[in-house]
Amino acid sequence: MLTTGKVISVIYYGIFVELMYGVEGLIHNSELINYTCDSVKTSIQFKVDRKKKIILLNVDTKEQKIALSLITKFR
């Protein structure tokens, strides 16, 4: 499912994105297109408060985790 979110933090293993108030998900480094950890931290595309189009991969209600991606092709 394609959606939009706002970057809220960039950390060494990925990017946290706010989907709506109080609902956050993670784009793991393995789900970033052509970016390394260092290039993500310096990229203007991933600055805090920047809106991004993202793909919702998985919602784990038991663990309360949301997995997101920037990769456009589905596996």
C-alpha atoms as a PDB file:
ATOM      1  CA  MET A   1       0.000   0.000   0.000  1.00  0.00           C
ATOM      2  CA  LEU A   2       1.391   3.408  -0.987  1.00  0.00           C
ATOM      3  CA  THR A   3       1.116   6.204   1.568  1.00  0.00           C
ATOM      4  CA  THR A   4       2.832   9.416   2.694  1.00  0.00           C
ATOM      5  CA  GLY A   5       4.687  10.056   5.913  1.00  0.00           C
ATOM      6  CA  LYS A   6       6.922  12.611   7.596  1.00  0.00           C
ATOM      7  CA  VAL A   7      10.539  11.826   8.520  1.00  0.00           C
ATOM      8  CA  ILE A   8      10.913  12.157  12.285  1.00  0.00           C
ATOM      9  CA  SER A   9      14.409  10.739  12.847  1.00  0.00           C
ATOM     10  CA  VAL A  10      17.355   9.256  10.990  1.00  0.00           C
ATOM     11  CA  ILE A  11      19.338   6.626  12.875  1.00  0.00           C
ATOM     12  CA  TYR A  12      22.095   4.174  11.991  1.00  0.00           C
ATOM     13  CA  TYR A  13      19.723   1.329  11.035  1.00  0.00           C
ATOM     14  CA  GLY A  14      17.030   3.300   9.221  1.00  0.00           C
ATOM     15  CA  ILE A  15      14.524   6.109   9.200  1.00  0.00           C
ATOM     16  CA  PHE A  16      11.497   6.570  11.455  1.00  0.00           C
ATOM     17  CA  VAL A  17       8.486   8.021   9.673  1.00  0.00           C
ATOM     18  CA  GLU A  18       5.272   9.371  11.201  1.00  0.00           C
ATOM     19  CA  LEU A  19       2.269   8.099   9.244  1.00  0.00           C
ATOM     20  CA  MET A  20      -0.262  10.008  11.322  1.00  0.00           C
ATOM     21  CA  TYR A  21      -0.167  11.596  14.749  1.00  0.00           C
ATOM     22  CA  GLY A  22       1.135   8.967  17.191  1.00  0.00           C
ATOM     23  CA  VAL A  23       1.678   6.281  14.530  1.00  0.00           C
ATOM     24  CA  GLU A  24       5.277   5.706  13.451  1.00  0.00           C
ATOM     25  CA  GLY A  25       6.996   3.154  11.264  1.00  0.00           C
ATOM     26  CA  LEU A  26      10.552   2.215  10.316  1.00  0.00           C
ATOM     27  CA  ILE A  27      12.188   2.169   6.913  1.00  0.00           C
ATOM     28  CA  HIS A  28      15.065  -0.245   7.524  1.00  0.00           C
ATOM     29  CA  ASN A  29      18.339   0.434   5.683  1.00  0.00           C
ATOM     30  CA  SER A  30      17.728  -2.649   3.543  1.00  0.00           C
ATOM     31  CA  GLU A  31      14.543  -0.983   2.232  1.00  0.00           C
ATOM     32  CA  LEU A  32      16.254   2.212   1.078  1.00  0.00           C
ATOM     33  CA  ILE A  33      17.038   2.655  -2.610  1.00  0.00           C
ATOM     34  CA  ASN A  34      20.697   3.316  -3.422  1.00  0.00           C
ATOM     35  CA  TYR A  35      21.532   4.774  -0.025  1.00  0.00           C
ATOM     36  CA  THR A  36      24.057   3.805   2.600  1.00  0.00           C
ATOM     37  CA  CYS A  37      23.689   4.736   6.243  1.00  0.00           C
ATOM     38  CA  ASP A  38      26.095   7.674   5.873  1.00  0.00           C
ATOM     39  CA  SER A  39      24.469   9.038   2.715  1.00  0.00           C
ATOM     40  CA  VAL A  40      21.019   8.904   4.330  1.00  0.00           C
ATOM     41  CA  LYS A  41      22.189  11.066   7.238  1.00  0.00           C
ATOM     42  CA  THR A  42      23.583  13.710   4.864  1.00  0.00           C
ATOM     43  CA  SER A  43      20.846  13.561   2.208  1.00  0.00           C
ATOM     44  CA  ILE A  44      18.403  16.453   1.985  1.00  0.00           C
ATOM     45  CA  GLN A  45      15.705  13.926   1.003  1.00  0.00           C
ATOM     46  CA  PHE A  46      15.715  12.467   4.509  1.00  0.00           C
ATOM     47  CA  LYS A  47      15.810  15.589   6.672  1.00  0.00           C
ATOM     48  CA  VAL A  48      13.462  15.684   9.663  1.00  0.00           C
ATOM     49  CA  ASP A  49       9.954  16.980   8.814  1.00  0.00           C
ATOM     50  CA  ARG A  50      10.373  16.148   5.119  1.00  0.00           C
ATOM     51  CA  LYS A  51       7.373  14.358   3.554  1.00  0.00           C
ATOM     52  CA  LYS A  52       8.091  11.081   1.705  1.00  0.00           C
ATOM     53  CA  LYS A  53       6.012   8.685  -0.368  1.00  0.00           C
ATOM     54  CA  ILE A  54       6.476   5.258   1.149  1.00  0.00           C
ATOM     55  CA  ILE A  55       5.228   1.700   0.857  1.00  0.00           C
ATOM     56  CA  LEU A  56       3.579   0.007   3.821  1.00  0.00           C
ATOM     57  CA  LEU A  57       5.094  -3.486   3.988  1.00  0.00           C
ATOM     58  CA  ASN A  58       3.790  -4.991   7.191  1.00  0.00           C
ATOM     59  CA  VAL A  59       1.819  -4.149  10.322  1.00  0.00           C
ATOM     60  CA  ASP A  60       2.575  -6.357  13.313  1.00  0.00           C
ATOM     61  CA  THR A  61      -0.180  -5.605  15.826  1.00  0.00           C
ATOM     62  CA  LYS A  62       1.235  -7.981  18.437  1.00  0.00           C
ATOM     63  CA  GLU A  63       4.671  -6.304  18.460  1.00  0.00           C
ATOM     64  CA  GLN A  64       3.186  -2.889  17.564  1.00  0.00           C
ATOM     65  CA  LYS A  65       5.617  -2.434  14.659  1.00  0.00           C
ATOM     66  CA  ILE A  66       5.090  -1.037  11.173  1.00  0.00           C
ATOM     67  CA  ALA A  67       7.565  -1.895   8.412  1.00  0.00           C
ATOM     68  CA  LEU A  68       7.961   0.582   5.557  1.00  0.00           C
ATOM     69  CA  SER A  69       9.946   0.768   2.315  1.00  0.00           C
ATOM     70  CA  LEU A  70      11.077   3.162  -0.388  1.00  0.00           C
ATOM     71  CA  ILE A  71      11.697   0.346  -2.866  1.00  0.00           C
ATOM     72  CA  THR A  72       9.059   0.623  -5.572  1.00  0.00           C
ATOM     73  CA  LYS A  73       8.892  -2.950  -6.827  1.00  0.00           C
ATOM     74  CA  PHE A  74       7.003  -5.494  -4.762  1.00  0.00           C
ATOM     75  CA  ARG A  75       8.746  -8.749  -3.936  1.00  0.00           C
END
